[in-house]
């Protein structure tokens, strides 16, 4: 009888230990998932912002556009400067 009671106590204790470990692991996994989701959301927002910034730069420079659109892009009609003329200085 004592042996059977000892076996049941050991099994019960092991089951409780396993349940505690499972709960702790489950909480850790949930936290990792939440952290990953937040990180991916921040990364997605940063990628979108960089994509918009790149699109504005490409639009300004006329990169990646058909020739007709590039000729209408901002800065496409700026007057040509003499290579020897310093930027920002006008004729004297």
N, C-alpha and C. Protein backbone atom coordinates (compact mmCIF):
# COMPACT_ATOMS: atom_id res chain seq x y z
N UNK A 1 0.82 -1.19 0.00
CA UNK A 1 0.00 0.00 0.00
C UNK A 1 0.86 1.26 0.00
N UNK A 2 1.91 1.25 0.80
CA UNK A 2 2.79 2.41 0.89
C UNK A 2 3.49 2.65 -0.45
N UNK A 3 3.89 1.57 -1.10
CA UNK A 3 4.57 1.68 -2.38
C UNK A 3 3.62 2.28 -3.42
N UNK A 4 2.39 1.85 -3.44
CA UNK A 4 1.41 2.37 -4.40
C UNK A 4 1.16 3.85 -4.14
N UNK A 5 1.06 4.24 -2.89
CA UNK A 5 0.85 5.64 -2.55
C UNK A 5 2.06 6.49 -2.96
N UNK A 6 3.26 5.96 -2.77
CA UNK A 6 4.48 6.67 -3.16
C UNK A 6 4.53 6.85 -4.68
N UNK A 7 4.15 5.82 -5.42
CA UNK A 7 4.14 5.90 -6.89
C UNK A 7 3.14 6.96 -7.34
N UNK A 8 1.96 6.97 -6.74
CA UNK A 8 0.94 7.96 -7.10
C UNK A 8 1.44 9.37 -6.77
N UNK A 9 2.11 9.54 -5.63
CA UNK A 9 2.63 10.85 -5.24
C UNK A 9 3.71 11.32 -6.22
N UNK A 10 4.58 10.41 -6.63
CA UNK A 10 5.63 10.76 -7.59
C UNK A 10 5.01 11.18 -8.93
N UNK A 11 4.06 10.40 -9.40
CA UNK A 11 3.39 10.71 -10.66
C UNK A 11 2.67 12.05 -10.56
N UNK A 12 1.98 12.29 -9.46
CA UNK A 12 1.25 13.55 -9.27
C UNK A 12 2.23 14.73 -9.27
N UNK A 13 3.36 14.58 -8.55
CA UNK A 13 4.35 15.65 -8.49
C UNK A 13 4.95 15.92 -9.88
N UNK A 14 5.27 14.88 -10.61
CA UNK A 14 5.82 15.05 -11.96
C UNK A 14 4.80 15.73 -12.88
N UNK A 15 3.54 15.37 -12.73
CA UNK A 15 2.51 15.98 -13.57
C UNK A 15 2.37 17.47 -13.26
N UNK A 16 2.42 17.82 -11.99
CA UNK A 16 2.36 19.24 -11.61
C UNK A 16 3.56 20.01 -12.16
N UNK A 17 4.75 19.40 -12.07
CA UNK A 17 5.96 20.04 -12.59
C UNK A 17 5.85 20.24 -14.09
N UNK A 18 5.38 19.24 -14.80
CA UNK A 18 5.22 19.33 -16.25
C UNK A 18 4.20 20.42 -16.59
N UNK A 19 3.10 20.49 -15.85
CA UNK A 19 2.09 21.51 -16.11
C UNK A 19 2.65 22.92 -15.90
N UNK A 20 3.44 23.11 -14.83
CA UNK A 20 4.06 24.41 -14.58
C UNK A 20 5.02 24.79 -15.70
N UNK A 21 5.83 23.83 -16.13
CA UNK A 21 6.76 24.09 -17.22
C UNK A 21 6.01 24.41 -18.51
N UNK A 22 4.94 23.69 -18.77
CA UNK A 22 4.15 23.91 -19.98
C UNK A 22 3.53 25.31 -19.95
N UNK A 23 3.01 25.72 -18.79
CA UNK A 23 2.42 27.05 -18.67
C UNK A 23 3.48 28.14 -18.88
N UNK A 24 4.64 27.96 -18.26
CA UNK A 24 5.71 28.94 -18.42
C UNK A 24 6.18 29.03 -19.86
N UNK A 25 6.32 27.89 -20.50
CA UNK A 25 6.74 27.87 -21.90
C UNK A 25 5.69 28.51 -22.78
N UNK A 26 4.43 28.23 -22.51
CA UNK A 26 3.35 28.82 -23.29
C UNK A 26 3.34 30.35 -23.16
N UNK A 27 3.57 30.84 -21.95
CA UNK A 27 3.63 32.29 -21.74
C UNK A 27 4.82 32.90 -22.47
N UNK A 28 5.95 32.20 -22.45
CA UNK A 28 7.14 32.70 -23.16
C UNK A 28 6.89 32.75 -24.66
N UNK A 29 6.25 31.73 -25.18
CA UNK A 29 5.95 31.68 -26.61
C UNK A 29 4.98 32.80 -26.98
N UNK A 30 3.97 33.03 -26.15
CA UNK A 30 3.01 34.11 -26.41
C UNK A 30 3.71 35.47 -26.41
N UNK A 31 4.63 35.68 -25.46
CA UNK A 31 5.37 36.94 -25.40
C UNK A 31 6.24 37.10 -26.64
N UNK A 32 6.91 36.03 -27.05
CA UNK A 32 7.73 36.10 -28.26
C UNK A 32 6.89 36.42 -29.49
N UNK A 33 5.71 35.82 -29.58
CA UNK A 33 4.82 36.10 -30.71
C UNK A 33 4.40 37.56 -30.71
N UNK A 34 4.04 38.08 -29.54
CA UNK A 34 3.64 39.49 -29.45
C UNK A 34 4.79 40.41 -29.84
N UNK A 35 5.99 40.11 -29.32
CA UNK A 35 7.16 40.93 -29.66
C UNK A 35 7.45 40.87 -31.15
N UNK A 36 7.33 39.68 -31.72
CA UNK A 36 7.58 39.52 -33.16
C UNK A 36 6.55 40.28 -33.97
N UNK A 37 5.28 40.20 -33.57
CA UNK A 37 4.23 40.93 -34.29
C UNK A 37 4.47 42.43 -34.24
N UNK A 38 4.84 42.95 -33.05
CA UNK A 38 5.12 44.38 -32.93
C UNK A 38 6.33 44.77 -33.79
N UNK A 39 7.36 43.93 -33.76
CA UNK A 39 8.55 44.21 -34.56
C UNK A 39 8.25 44.21 -36.05
N UNK A 40 7.44 43.25 -36.49
CA UNK A 40 7.07 43.18 -37.90
C UNK A 40 6.21 44.37 -38.31
N UNK A 41 5.34 44.82 -37.41
CA UNK A 41 4.51 45.99 -37.71
C UNK A 41 5.39 47.23 -37.87
N UNK A 42 6.37 47.39 -36.96
CA UNK A 42 7.29 48.54 -37.06
C UNK A 42 8.12 48.45 -38.34
N UNK A 43 8.58 47.24 -38.66
CA UNK A 43 9.36 47.05 -39.87
C UNK A 43 8.54 47.35 -41.11
N UNK A 44 7.29 46.90 -41.12
CA UNK A 44 6.41 47.19 -42.25
C UNK A 44 6.18 48.67 -42.43
N UNK A 45 6.00 49.38 -41.32
CA UNK A 45 5.80 50.83 -41.40
C UNK A 45 7.06 51.52 -41.91
N UNK A 46 8.22 51.06 -41.45
CA UNK A 46 9.48 51.65 -41.91
C UNK A 46 9.70 51.38 -43.39
N UNK A 47 9.37 50.18 -43.83
CA UNK A 47 9.52 49.84 -45.25
C UNK A 47 8.59 50.70 -46.10
N UNK A 48 7.36 50.88 -45.63
CA UNK A 48 6.40 51.71 -46.38
C UNK A 48 6.90 53.15 -46.46
N UNK A 49 7.40 53.67 -45.34
CA UNK A 49 7.91 55.05 -45.33
C UNK A 49 9.11 55.19 -46.26
N UNK A 50 10.00 54.20 -46.23
CA UNK A 50 11.17 54.26 -47.12
C UNK A 50 10.75 54.13 -48.58
N UNK A 51 9.73 53.30 -48.84
CA UNK A 51 9.23 53.17 -50.21
C UNK A 51 8.65 54.47 -50.72
N UNK A 52 7.89 55.15 -49.86
CA UNK A 52 7.32 56.44 -50.25
C UNK A 52 8.43 57.47 -50.49
N UNK A 53 9.42 57.47 -49.60
CA UNK A 53 10.54 58.40 -49.74
C UNK A 53 11.30 58.12 -51.04
N UNK A 54 11.53 56.84 -51.32
CA UNK A 54 12.22 56.47 -52.55
C UNK A 54 11.41 56.86 -53.78
N UNK A 55 10.09 56.68 -53.71
CA UNK A 55 9.24 57.06 -54.84
C UNK A 55 9.31 58.57 -55.09
N UNK A 56 9.34 59.36 -54.01
CA UNK A 56 9.45 60.81 -54.18
C UNK A 56 10.79 61.19 -54.80
N UNK A 57 11.86 60.54 -54.33
CA UNK A 57 13.18 60.83 -54.89
C UNK A 57 13.24 60.43 -56.35
N UNK A 58 12.73 59.23 -56.65
CA UNK A 58 12.72 58.78 -58.05
C UNK A 58 11.88 59.72 -58.91
N UNK A 59 10.76 60.18 -58.37
CA UNK A 59 9.92 61.11 -59.11
C UNK A 59 10.63 62.43 -59.37
N UNK A 60 11.34 62.91 -58.35
CA UNK A 60 12.07 64.17 -58.51
C UNK A 60 13.17 64.03 -59.54
N UNK A 61 13.87 62.90 -59.50
CA UNK A 61 14.99 62.69 -60.42
C UNK A 61 14.55 62.15 -61.77
N UNK A 62 13.31 61.69 -61.87
CA UNK A 62 12.82 61.12 -63.12
C UNK A 62 13.38 59.74 -63.38
N UNK A 63 13.73 59.03 -62.32
CA UNK A 63 14.28 57.68 -62.45
C UNK A 63 13.13 56.68 -62.48
N UNK A 64 13.20 55.71 -63.35
CA UNK A 64 12.20 54.66 -63.39
C UNK A 64 10.88 55.09 -63.99
N UNK A 65 10.87 56.19 -64.70
CA UNK A 65 9.65 56.69 -65.33
C UNK A 65 9.79 56.59 -66.84
N UNK A 66 8.68 56.50 -67.53
CA UNK A 66 8.76 56.63 -68.99
C UNK A 66 9.29 58.02 -69.35
N UNK A 67 9.91 58.16 -70.51
CA UNK A 67 10.53 59.43 -70.89
C UNK A 67 9.56 60.61 -70.84
N UNK A 68 8.32 60.40 -71.26
CA UNK A 68 7.35 61.49 -71.26
C UNK A 68 7.07 61.96 -69.84
N UNK A 69 6.95 61.03 -68.91
CA UNK A 69 6.68 61.41 -67.52
C UNK A 69 7.92 62.04 -66.90
N UNK A 70 9.09 61.56 -67.26
CA UNK A 70 10.32 62.11 -66.70
C UNK A 70 10.53 63.55 -67.14
N UNK A 71 10.11 63.88 -68.34
CA UNK A 71 10.29 65.26 -68.80
C UNK A 71 9.36 66.22 -68.07
N UNK A 72 8.28 65.70 -67.48
CA UNK A 72 7.36 66.54 -66.71
C UNK A 72 7.67 66.50 -65.22
N UNK A 73 8.65 65.71 -64.80
CA UNK A 73 8.96 65.56 -63.38
C UNK A 73 9.54 66.85 -62.83
N UNK A 74 9.39 67.02 -61.51
CA UNK A 74 9.92 68.22 -60.87
C UNK A 74 11.42 68.30 -61.09
N UNK A 75 11.90 69.44 -61.49
CA UNK A 75 13.32 69.65 -61.70
C UNK A 75 13.80 69.30 -63.09
N UNK A 76 12.94 68.72 -63.92
CA UNK A 76 13.36 68.31 -65.26
C UNK A 76 13.59 69.51 -66.17
N UNK A 77 12.99 70.65 -65.86
CA UNK A 77 13.11 71.81 -66.74
C UNK A 77 14.04 72.88 -66.16
N UNK A 78 14.87 72.50 -65.19
CA UNK A 78 15.81 73.48 -64.64
C UNK A 78 16.80 73.90 -65.72
N UNK A 79 17.20 75.17 -65.72
CA UNK A 79 18.17 75.62 -66.73
C UNK A 79 19.51 74.94 -66.52
N UNK A 80 20.19 74.67 -67.60
CA UNK A 80 21.52 74.04 -67.54
C UNK A 80 22.52 75.09 -67.06
N UNK A 81 23.46 74.66 -66.25
CA UNK A 81 24.51 75.56 -65.78
C UNK A 81 25.82 75.20 -66.44
N UNK A 82 26.65 76.19 -66.59
CA UNK A 82 27.99 75.95 -67.11
C UNK A 82 28.74 75.15 -66.05
N UNK A 83 29.45 74.08 -66.43
CA UNK A 83 30.15 73.27 -65.43
C UNK A 83 31.13 74.07 -64.60
N UNK A 84 31.68 75.15 -65.13
CA UNK A 84 32.63 75.96 -64.37
C UNK A 84 31.96 76.92 -63.42
N UNK A 85 30.66 77.13 -63.57
CA UNK A 85 29.93 78.09 -62.75
C UNK A 85 29.58 77.42 -61.42
N UNK A 86 29.89 78.10 -60.33
CA UNK A 86 29.59 77.55 -59.01
C UNK A 86 28.10 77.59 -58.77
N UNK A 87 27.62 76.61 -58.08
CA UNK A 87 26.19 76.54 -57.81
C UNK A 87 25.79 77.67 -56.87
N UNK A 88 24.70 78.33 -57.18
CA UNK A 88 24.19 79.39 -56.33
C UNK A 88 24.77 80.76 -56.66
N UNK A 89 25.81 80.82 -57.48
CA UNK A 89 26.35 82.14 -57.82
C UNK A 89 25.88 82.52 -59.21
N UNK A 90 25.37 83.71 -59.34
CA UNK A 90 24.86 84.19 -60.61
C UNK A 90 25.96 84.86 -61.41
N UNK A 91 25.65 85.32 -62.62
CA UNK A 91 26.66 86.02 -63.42
C UNK A 91 27.01 87.35 -62.76
N UNK A 92 28.29 87.71 -62.82
CA UNK A 92 28.75 88.95 -62.18
C UNK A 92 28.63 90.13 -63.07
